PDB file of N, CA and C in Angstrom:
ATOM      1  N   MET A   1     134.161 -46.923 -11.314  1.00  0.00           N
ATOM      2  CA  MET A   1     133.042 -46.942 -10.403  1.00  0.00           C
ATOM      3  C   MET A   1     133.514 -46.813  -8.957  1.00  0.00           C
ATOM      4  N   THR A   2     134.520 -47.583  -8.561  1.00  0.00           N
ATOM      5  CA  THR A   2     134.994 -47.515  -7.183  1.00  0.00           C
ATOM      6  C   THR A   2     135.737 -46.208  -6.914  1.00  0.00           C
ATOM      7  N   ARG A   3     136.440 -45.717  -7.936  1.00  0.00           N
ATOM      8  CA  ARG A   3     137.155 -44.446  -7.759  1.00  0.00           C
ATOM      9  C   ARG A   3     136.151 -43.314  -7.546  1.00  0.00           C
ATOM     10  N   LYS A   4     135.073 -43.336  -8.314  1.00  0.00           N
ATOM     11  CA  LYS A   4     134.034 -42.312  -8.168  1.00  0.00           C
ATOM     12  C   LYS A   4     133.378 -42.424  -6.792  1.00  0.00           C
ATOM     13  N   PHE A   5     133.154 -43.632  -6.321  1.00  0.00           N
ATOM     14  CA  PHE A   5     132.567 -43.851  -5.009  1.00  0.00           C
ATOM     15  C   PHE A   5     133.486 -43.342  -3.893  1.00  0.00           C
ATOM     16  N   ILE A   6     134.766 -43.588  -4.023  1.00  0.00           N
ATOM     17  CA  ILE A   6     135.739 -43.146  -3.022  1.00  0.00           C
ATOM     18  C   ILE A   6     135.809 -41.620  -2.986  1.00  0.00           C
ATOM     19  N   ILE A   7     135.837 -40.986  -4.138  1.00  0.00           N
ATOM     20  CA  ILE A   7     135.887 -39.521  -4.190  1.00  0.00           C
ATOM     21  C   ILE A   7     134.609 -38.917  -3.606  1.00  0.00           C
ATOM     22  N   THR A   8     133.485 -39.489  -3.950  1.00  0.00           N
ATOM     23  CA  THR A   8     132.204 -38.984  -3.437  1.00  0.00           C
ATOM     24  C   THR A   8     132.113 -39.160  -1.931  1.00  0.00           C
ATOM     25  N   SER A   9     132.483 -40.314  -1.420  1.00  0.00           N
ATOM     26  CA  SER A   9     132.403 -40.554   0.023  1.00  0.00           C
ATOM     27  C   SER A   9     133.413 -39.692   0.782  1.00  0.00           C
ATOM     28  N   ALA A  10     134.616 -39.473   0.196  1.00  0.00           N
ATOM     29  CA  ALA A  10     135.603 -38.609   0.837  1.00  0.00           C
ATOM     30  C   ALA A  10     135.111 -37.167   0.867  1.00  0.00           C
ATOM     31  N   SER A  11     134.456 -36.740  -0.205  1.00  0.00           N
ATOM     32  CA  SER A  11     133.909 -35.384  -0.253  1.00  0.00           C
ATOM     33  C   SER A  11     132.799 -35.213   0.773  1.00  0.00           C
ATOM     34  N   LEU A  12     131.919 -36.184   0.867  1.00  0.00           N
ATOM     35  CA  LEU A  12     130.844 -36.111   1.856  1.00  0.00           C
ATOM     36  C   LEU A  12     131.391 -36.114   3.279  1.00  0.00           C
ATOM     37  N   LEU A  13     132.415 -36.898   3.509  1.00  0.00           N
ATOM     38  CA  LEU A  13     133.035 -36.930   4.828  1.00  0.00           C
ATOM     39  C   LEU A  13     133.673 -35.589   5.163  1.00  0.00           C
ATOM     40  N   ALA A  14     134.361 -34.984   4.189  1.00  0.00           N
ATOM     41  CA  ALA A  14     134.997 -33.684   4.416  1.00  0.00           C
ATOM     42  C   ALA A  14     133.948 -32.598   4.655  1.00  0.00           C
ATOM     43  N   PHE A  15     132.864 -32.605   3.874  1.00  0.00           N
ATOM     44  CA  PHE A  15     131.812 -31.603   4.061  1.00  0.00           C
ATOM     45  C   PHE A  15     131.125 -31.765   5.412  1.00  0.00           C
ATOM     46  N   SER A  16     130.895 -32.992   5.824  1.00  0.00           N
ATOM     47  CA  SER A  16     130.232 -33.197   7.116  1.00  0.00           C
ATOM     48  C   SER A  16     131.165 -32.824   8.269  1.00  0.00           C
ATOM     49  N   ALA A  17     132.456 -33.059   8.113  1.00  0.00           N
ATOM     50  CA  ALA A  17     133.405 -32.675   9.166  1.00  0.00           C
ATOM     51  C   ALA A  17     133.533 -31.161   9.256  1.00  0.00           C
ATOM     52  N   LEU A  18     133.520 -30.485   8.124  1.00  0.00           N
ATOM     53  CA  LEU A  18     133.649 -29.028   8.129  1.00  0.00           C
ATOM     54  C   LEU A  18     132.347 -28.309   8.458  1.00  0.00           C
ATOM     55  N   SER A  19     131.240 -28.999   8.402  1.00  0.00           N
ATOM     56  CA  SER A  19     129.965 -28.344   8.719  1.00  0.00           C
ATOM     57  C   SER A  19     129.891 -27.977  10.190  1.00  0.00           C
ATOM     58  N   ALA A  20     130.661 -28.624  11.037  1.00  0.00           N
ATOM     59  CA  ALA A  20     130.678 -28.296  12.459  1.00  0.00           C
ATOM     60  C   ALA A  20     131.414 -26.991  12.735  1.00  0.00           C
ATOM     61  N   CYS A  21     132.126 -26.474  11.758  1.00  0.00           N
ATOM     62  CA  CYS A  21     132.882 -25.242  11.950  1.00  0.00           C
ATOM     63  C   CYS A  21     132.017 -23.989  11.784  1.00  0.00           C
ATOM     64  N   GLY A  22     130.796 -24.140  11.352  1.00  0.00           N
ATOM     65  CA  GLY A  22     129.912 -22.991  11.156  1.00  0.00           C
ATOM     66  C   GLY A  22     129.545 -22.338  12.472  1.00  0.00           C
ATOM     67  N   SER A  23     129.144 -21.075  12.429  1.00  0.00           N
ATOM     68  CA  SER A  23     128.812 -20.371  13.664  1.00  0.00           C
ATOM     69  C   SER A  23     127.341 -20.003  13.755  1.00  0.00           C
ATOM     70  N   THR A  24     126.532 -20.394  12.824  1.00  0.00           N
ATOM     71  CA  THR A  24     125.104 -20.100  12.891  1.00  0.00           C
ATOM     72  C   THR A  24     124.391 -21.364  13.337  1.00  0.00           C
ATOM     73  N   SER A  25     124.144 -21.421  14.629  1.00  0.00           N
ATOM     74  CA  SER A  25     123.563 -22.619  15.202  1.00  0.00           C
ATOM     75  C   SER A  25     122.634 -22.242  16.345  1.00  0.00           C
ATOM     76  N   VAL A  26     121.865 -23.173  16.800  1.00  0.00           N
ATOM     77  CA  VAL A  26     120.991 -22.974  17.948  1.00  0.00           C
ATOM     78  C   VAL A  26     121.825 -22.789  19.210  1.00  0.00           C
ATOM     79  N   PHE A  27     123.008 -23.367  19.223  1.00  0.00           N
ATOM     80  CA  PHE A  27     123.845 -23.345  20.417  1.00  0.00           C
ATOM     81  C   PHE A  27     124.690 -22.082  20.543  1.00  0.00           C
ATOM     82  N   ASP A  28     124.540 -21.107  19.659  1.00  0.00           N
ATOM     83  CA  ASP A  28     125.355 -19.894  19.709  1.00  0.00           C
ATOM     84  C   ASP A  28     124.660 -18.737  20.412  1.00  0.00           C
ATOM     85  N   ARG A  29     123.567 -18.979  21.118  1.00  0.00           N
ATOM     86  CA  ARG A  29     122.845 -17.886  21.761  1.00  0.00           C
ATOM     87  C   ARG A  29     123.557 -17.457  23.045  1.00  0.00           C
ATOM     88  N   GLU A  30     123.228 -16.278  23.525  1.00  0.00           N
ATOM     89  CA  GLU A  30     123.821 -15.774  24.764  1.00  0.00           C
ATOM     90  C   GLU A  30     123.169 -16.471  25.953  1.00  0.00           C
ATOM     91  N   ARG A  31     123.962 -16.920  26.897  1.00  0.00           N
ATOM     92  CA  ARG A  31     123.439 -17.502  28.124  1.00  0.00           C
ATOM     93  C   ARG A  31     124.220 -16.969  29.318  1.00  0.00           C
ATOM     94  N   PRO A  32     123.646 -17.049  30.502  1.00  0.00           N
ATOM     95  CA  PRO A  32     124.404 -16.633  31.679  1.00  0.00           C
ATOM     96  C   PRO A  32     125.546 -17.607  31.959  1.00  0.00           C
ATOM     97  N   ASP A  33     126.593 -17.093  32.532  1.00  0.00           N
ATOM     98  CA  ASP A  33     127.762 -17.915  32.848  1.00  0.00           C
ATOM     99  C   ASP A  33     127.508 -18.638  34.161  1.00  0.00           C
ATOM    100  N   GLU A  34     127.397 -19.962  34.127  1.00  0.00           N
ATOM    101  CA  GLU A  34     127.099 -20.711  35.342  1.00  0.00           C
ATOM    102  C   GLU A  34     128.286 -20.794  36.289  1.00  0.00           C
ATOM    103  N   PHE A  35     129.464 -20.425  35.826  1.00  0.00           N
ATOM    104  CA  PHE A  35     130.637 -20.469  36.683  1.00  0.00           C
ATOM    105  C   PHE A  35     130.991 -19.091  37.256  1.00  0.00           C
ATOM    106  N   ALA A  36     130.212 -18.075  36.934  1.00  0.00           N
ATOM    107  CA  ALA A  36     130.470 -16.743  37.469  1.00  0.00           C
ATOM    108  C   ALA A  36     130.145 -16.734  38.966  1.00  0.00           C
ATOM    109  N   VAL A  37     130.944 -16.039  39.719  1.00  0.00           N
ATOM    110  CA  VAL A  37     130.765 -15.976  41.165  1.00  0.00           C
ATOM    111  C   VAL A  37     130.319 -14.572  41.530  1.00  0.00           C
ATOM    112  N   GLY A  38     129.192 -14.481  42.207  1.00  0.00           N
ATOM    113  CA  GLY A  38     128.706 -13.180  42.659  1.00  0.00           C
ATOM    114  C   GLY A  38     129.342 -12.807  43.981  1.00  0.00           C
ATOM    115  N   ARG A  39     129.573 -11.548  44.171  1.00  0.00           N
ATOM    116  CA  ARG A  39     130.168 -11.085  45.423  1.00  0.00           C
ATOM    117  C   ARG A  39     129.076 -10.673  46.402  1.00  0.00           C
ATOM    118  N   ALA A  40     129.264 -11.007  47.662  1.00  0.00           N
ATOM    119  CA  ALA A  40     128.332 -10.607  48.711  1.00  0.00           C
ATOM    120  C   ALA A  40     128.692  -9.202  49.181  1.00  0.00           C
ATOM    121  N   ALA A  41     127.704  -8.539  49.749  1.00  0.00           N
ATOM    122  CA  ALA A  41     127.958  -7.200  50.299  1.00  0.00           C
ATOM    123  C   ALA A  41     128.918  -7.322  51.491  1.00  0.00           C
ATOM    124  N   PRO A  42     129.764  -6.324  51.702  1.00  0.00           N
ATOM    125  CA  PRO A  42     130.701  -6.411  52.830  1.00  0.00           C
ATOM    126  C   PRO A  42     129.950  -6.371  54.167  1.00  0.00           C
ATOM    127  N   LEU A  43     130.529  -7.022  55.149  1.00  0.00           N
ATOM    128  CA  LEU A  43     129.933  -7.079  56.471  1.00  0.00           C
ATOM    129  C   LEU A  43     130.051  -5.711  57.137  1.00  0.00           C
ATOM    130  N   ALA A  44     128.936  -5.220  57.648  1.00  0.00           N
ATOM    131  CA  ALA A  44     128.930  -3.917  58.316  1.00  0.00           C
ATOM    132  C   ALA A  44     128.506  -4.116  59.766  1.00  0.00           C
ATOM    133  N   VAL A  45     129.339  -3.660  60.692  1.00  0.00           N
ATOM    134  CA  VAL A  45     129.046  -3.759  62.114  1.00  0.00           C
ATOM    135  C   VAL A  45     128.700  -2.360  62.610  1.00  0.00           C
ATOM    136  N   PRO A  46     127.513  -2.191  63.241  1.00  0.00           N
ATOM    137  CA  PRO A  46     127.151  -0.859  63.733  1.00  0.00           C
ATOM    138  C   PRO A  46     128.031  -0.452  64.910  1.00  0.00           C
ATOM    139  N   ALA A  47     128.116   0.855  65.117  1.00  0.00           N
ATOM    140  CA  ALA A  47     128.950   1.378  66.213  1.00  0.00           C
ATOM    141  C   ALA A  47     128.372   0.999  67.572  1.00  0.00           C
ATOM    142  N   ASP A  48     127.054   1.030  67.703  1.00  0.00           N
ATOM    143  CA  ASP A  48     126.405   0.695  68.966  1.00  0.00           C
ATOM    144  C   ASP A  48     125.442  -0.464  68.727  1.00  0.00           C
ATOM    145  N   LEU A  49     125.698  -1.611  69.356  1.00  0.00           N
ATOM    146  CA  LEU A  49     124.886  -2.799  69.121  1.00  0.00           C
ATOM    147  C   LEU A  49     123.510  -2.704  69.766  1.00  0.00           C
ATOM    148  N   SER A  50     123.302  -1.775  70.694  1.00  0.00           N
ATOM    149  CA  SER A  50     121.989  -1.649  71.332  1.00  0.00           C
ATOM    150  C   SER A  50     120.976  -0.979  70.400  1.00  0.00           C
ATOM    151  N   THR A  51     121.411  -0.401  69.296  1.00  0.00           N
ATOM    152  CA  THR A  51     120.493   0.249  68.371  1.00  0.00           C
ATOM    153  C   THR A  51     119.895  -0.718  67.362  1.00  0.00           C
ATOM    154  N   LEU A  52     120.320  -1.978  67.398  1.00  0.00           N
ATOM    155  CA  LEU A  52     119.791  -2.966  66.467  1.00  0.00           C
ATOM    156  C   LEU A  52     118.340  -3.307  66.801  1.00  0.00           C
ATOM    157  N   PRO A  53     117.510  -3.555  65.797  1.00  0.00           N
ATOM    158  CA  PRO A  53     116.123  -3.945  66.094  1.00  0.00           C
ATOM    159  C   PRO A  53     116.073  -5.352  66.670  1.00  0.00           C
ATOM    160  N   THR A  54     115.038  -5.603  67.477  1.00  0.00           N
ATOM    161  CA  THR A  54     114.891  -6.940  68.047  1.00  0.00           C
ATOM    162  C   THR A  54     114.379  -7.885  66.960  1.00  0.00           C
ATOM    163  N   PRO A  55     114.884  -9.096  66.926  1.00  0.00           N
ATOM    164  CA  PRO A  55     114.450 -10.033  65.892  1.00  0.00           C
ATOM    165  C   PRO A  55     113.005 -10.494  66.127  1.00  0.00           C
ATOM    166  N   GLN A  56     112.270 -10.675  65.035  1.00  0.00           N
ATOM    167  CA  GLN A  56     110.894 -11.160  65.086  1.00  0.00           C
ATOM    168  C   GLN A  56     110.876 -12.611  64.599  1.00  0.00           C
ATOM    169  N   PRO A  57     110.233 -13.518  65.352  1.00  0.00           N
ATOM    170  CA  PRO A  57     110.181 -14.922  64.912  1.00  0.00           C
ATOM    171  C   PRO A  57     109.442 -15.060  63.581  1.00  0.00           C
ATOM    172  N   GLY A  58     110.049 -15.758  62.639  1.00  0.00           N
ATOM    173  CA  GLY A  58     109.441 -15.998  61.340  1.00  0.00           C
ATOM    174  C   GLY A  58     109.638 -14.878  60.337  1.00  0.00           C
ATOM    175  N   ALA A  59     110.230 -13.777  60.751  1.00  0.00           N
ATOM    176  CA  ALA A  59     110.446 -12.658  59.830  1.00  0.00           C
ATOM    177  C   ALA A  59     111.622 -12.968  58.908  1.00  0.00           C
ATOM    178  N   GLY A  60     111.559 -12.457  57.708  1.00  0.00           N
ATOM    179  CA  GLY A  60     112.638 -12.671  56.748  1.00  0.00           C
ATOM    180  C   GLY A  60     113.868 -11.853  57.101  1.00  0.00           C
ATOM    181  N   ARG A  61     114.984 -12.291  56.567  1.00  0.00           N
ATOM    182  CA  ARG A  61     116.228 -11.558  56.803  1.00  0.00           C
ATOM    183  C   ARG A  61     116.304 -10.388  55.844  1.00  0.00           C
ATOM    184  N   PRO A  62     116.573  -9.185  56.330  1.00  0.00           N
ATOM    185  CA  PRO A  62     116.559  -8.012  55.439  1.00  0.00           C
ATOM    186  C   PRO A  62     117.669  -8.006  54.407  1.00  0.00           C
ATOM    187  N   GLN A  63     118.818  -8.615  54.680  1.00  0.00           N
ATOM    188  CA  GLN A  63     119.928  -8.589  53.733  1.00  0.00           C
ATOM    189  C   GLN A  63     119.767  -9.591  52.608  1.00  0.00           C
ATOM    190  N   GLU A  64     118.818 -10.520  52.702  1.00  0.00           N
ATOM    191  CA  GLU A  64     118.663 -11.524  51.656  1.00  0.00           C
ATOM    192  C   GLU A  64     117.661 -11.137  50.588  1.00  0.00           C
ATOM    193  N   GLY A  65     116.879 -10.115  50.785  1.00  0.00           N
ATOM    194  CA  GLY A  65     115.844  -9.759  49.827  1.00  0.00           C
ATOM    195  C   GLY A  65     116.401  -9.405  48.462  1.00  0.00           C
ATOM    196  N   ASP A  66     117.436  -8.617  48.411  1.00  0.00           N
ATOM    197  CA  ASP A  66     117.980  -8.178  47.127  1.00  0.00           C
ATOM    198  C   ASP A  66     118.719  -9.306  46.408  1.00  0.00           C
ATOM    199  N   SER A  67     119.446 -10.141  47.133  1.00  0.00           N
ATOM    200  CA  SER A  67     120.204 -11.193  46.461  1.00  0.00           C
ATOM    201  C   SER A  67     119.280 -12.273  45.904  1.00  0.00           C
ATOM    202  N   LYS A  68     118.203 -12.583  46.608  1.00  0.00           N
ATOM    203  CA  LYS A  68     117.257 -13.567  46.084  1.00  0.00           C
ATOM    204  C   LYS A  68     116.570 -13.040  44.825  1.00  0.00           C
ATOM    205  N   GLN A  69     116.179 -11.765  44.863  1.00  0.00           N
ATOM    206  CA  GLN A  69     115.526 -11.185  43.693  1.00  0.00           C
ATOM    207  C   GLN A  69     116.510 -11.092  42.529  1.00  0.00           C
ATOM    208  N   ALA A  70     117.762 -10.769  42.818  1.00  0.00           N
ATOM    209  CA  ALA A  70     118.772 -10.707  41.756  1.00  0.00           C
ATOM    210  C   ALA A  70     118.998 -12.090  41.147  1.00  0.00           C
ATOM    211  N   MET A  71     118.989 -13.123  41.983  1.00  0.00           N
ATOM    212  CA  MET A  71     119.161 -14.479  41.480  1.00  0.00           C
ATOM    213  C   MET A  71     117.981 -14.874  40.590  1.00  0.00           C
ATOM    214  N   LEU A  72     116.762 -14.572  41.039  1.00  0.00           N
ATOM    215  CA  LEU A  72     115.585 -14.903  40.244  1.00  0.00           C
ATOM    216  C   LEU A  72     115.585 -14.124  38.933  1.00  0.00           C
ATOM    217  N   ASP A  73     115.995 -12.861  38.975  1.00  0.00           N
ATOM    218  CA  ASP A  73     116.074 -12.061  37.747  1.00  0.00           C
ATOM    219  C   ASP A  73     117.104 -12.645  36.785  1.00  0.00           C
ATOM    220  N   ALA A  74     118.224 -13.124  37.323  1.00  0.00           N
ATOM    221  CA  ALA A  74     119.262 -13.695  36.467  1.00  0.00           C
ATOM    222  C   ALA A  74     118.806 -15.009  35.843  1.00  0.00           C
ATOM    223  N   MET A  75     118.048 -15.799  36.596  1.00  0.00           N
ATOM    224  CA  MET A  75     117.619 -17.096  36.093  1.00  0.00           C
ATOM    225  C   MET A  75     116.433 -16.993  35.133  1.00  0.00           C
ATOM    226  N   PHE A  76     115.455 -16.162  35.478  1.00  0.00           N
ATOM    227  CA  PHE A  76     114.213 -16.136  34.710  1.00  0.00           C
ATOM    228  C   PHE A  76     113.955 -14.824  34.015  1.00  0.00           C
ATOM    229  N   GLY A  77     114.823 -13.835  34.164  1.00  0.00           N
ATOM    230  CA  GLY A  77     114.621 -12.537  33.554  1.00  0.00           C
ATOM    231  C   GLY A  77     113.804 -11.640  34.465  1.00  0.00           C
ATOM    232  N   ALA A  78     114.009 -10.356  34.343  1.00  0.00           N
ATOM    233  CA  ALA A  78     113.292  -9.396  35.159  1.00  0.00           C
ATOM    234  C   ALA A  78     111.822  -9.357  34.738  1.00  0.00           C
ATOM    235  N   PRO A  79     110.919  -9.134  35.697  1.00  0.00           N
ATOM    236  CA  PRO A  79     109.502  -9.074  35.326  1.00  0.00           C
ATOM    237  C   PRO A  79     109.216  -7.843  34.465  1.00  0.00           C
ATOM    238  N   LYS A  80     108.279  -8.011  33.542  1.00  0.00           N
ATOM    239  CA  LYS A  80     107.917  -6.887  32.664  1.00  0.00           C
ATOM    240  C   LYS A  80     107.077  -5.889  33.432  1.00  0.00           C
ATOM    241  N   GLN A  81     107.344  -4.617  33.182  1.00  0.00           N
ATOM    242  CA  GLN A  81     106.606  -3.576  33.904  1.00  0.00           C
ATOM    243  C   GLN A  81     105.780  -2.766  32.957  1.00  0.00           C
TER     244      GLN A  81
END
């Protein structure tokens, strides 16, 4: 009786330990890499600084539009068209 119990419990322990080795799980889906580092666009200085537009109070920065949209697309997926 005890020998049968020991064999059964050892078998159950081995099966439960090896069940973690399977690859079909909820946790195997593709996700974005949270440690990936995005590169910023290189700094561009115009030849003549007097050709720059005058800043408008409260206006958004033109160089941030694409990176914010890219971040939102990466986090929530691109909008369906």
